[in-house]
């Protein structure tokens, strides 16, 4: 069995660049922000683009 040698492992730069570009250009329907504290969780939502986020409220931080 051949031993693993990390020095022999190579990844084409063009493949990595393609993956980064695809991830960067991905657009989601909304971005959700959660500020978690012991007693409650604050929720914020931002639409794609440069729009400011909107505070949506809080909910109790319970295991259920």
Protein backbone atom coordinates (compact mmCIF):
# COMPACT_ATOMS: atom_id res chain seq x y z
CA UNK A 1 0.00 0.00 0.00
CA UNK A 2 1.30 3.45 -0.92
CA UNK A 3 1.81 5.88 1.97
CA UNK A 4 0.24 9.32 1.87
CA UNK A 5 2.73 12.07 1.11
CA UNK A 6 1.27 15.61 1.41
CA UNK A 7 4.21 17.02 -0.59
CA UNK A 8 3.03 15.11 -3.68
CA UNK A 9 -0.53 16.38 -3.43
CA UNK A 10 -1.32 19.15 -5.90
CA UNK A 11 -4.50 20.91 -6.92
CA UNK A 12 -4.79 22.93 -10.09
CA UNK A 13 -5.12 26.65 -9.35
CA UNK A 14 -7.71 27.06 -12.09
CA UNK A 15 -10.01 24.58 -10.34
CA UNK A 16 -9.74 26.45 -7.04
CA UNK A 17 -10.32 29.80 -8.75
CA UNK A 18 -13.45 28.43 -10.45
CA UNK A 19 -14.87 27.23 -7.13
CA UNK A 20 -14.17 30.60 -5.47
CA UNK A 21 -15.85 32.53 -8.30
CA UNK A 22 -18.95 30.31 -8.18
CA UNK A 23 -19.25 30.76 -4.40
CA UNK A 24 -18.73 34.51 -4.65
CA UNK A 25 -21.38 34.94 -7.35
CA UNK A 26 -24.03 32.88 -5.56
CA UNK A 27 -27.06 34.91 -4.62
CA UNK A 28 -29.49 33.84 -1.94
CA UNK A 29 -33.13 34.83 -1.49
CA UNK A 30 -32.36 36.37 1.92
CA UNK A 31 -29.63 36.46 4.52
CA UNK A 32 -30.62 35.60 8.08
CA UNK A 33 -28.75 36.90 11.13
CA UNK A 34 -29.17 35.41 14.60
CA UNK A 35 -27.82 37.06 17.74
CA UNK A 36 -27.95 34.30 20.34
CA UNK A 37 -27.98 35.04 24.06
CA UNK A 38 -28.77 32.97 27.13
CA UNK A 39 -32.41 34.10 27.39
CA UNK A 40 -33.39 35.08 23.84
CA UNK A 41 -32.45 35.03 20.16
CA UNK A 42 -32.70 38.23 18.08
CA UNK A 43 -33.51 37.77 14.39
CA UNK A 44 -32.57 40.00 11.45
CA UNK A 45 -33.16 39.56 7.71
CA UNK A 46 -31.39 41.26 4.79
CA UNK A 47 -32.37 40.94 1.14
CA UNK A 48 -29.65 40.36 -1.49
CA UNK A 49 -27.69 43.38 -2.63
CA UNK A 50 -26.67 46.34 -0.54
CA UNK A 51 -29.95 46.71 1.35
CA UNK A 52 -29.83 47.33 5.07
CA UNK A 53 -31.00 44.48 7.25
CA UNK A 54 -34.37 44.55 9.01
CA UNK A 55 -34.81 43.63 12.66
CA UNK A 56 -37.60 41.01 12.83
CA UNK A 57 -37.89 40.45 16.56
CA UNK A 58 -36.87 38.10 19.32
CA UNK A 59 -37.81 34.64 20.48
CA UNK A 60 -37.14 32.76 23.67
CA UNK A 61 -33.98 30.65 23.70
CA UNK A 62 -35.46 27.31 24.75
CA UNK A 63 -34.27 23.82 23.75
CA UNK A 64 -37.64 23.08 22.14
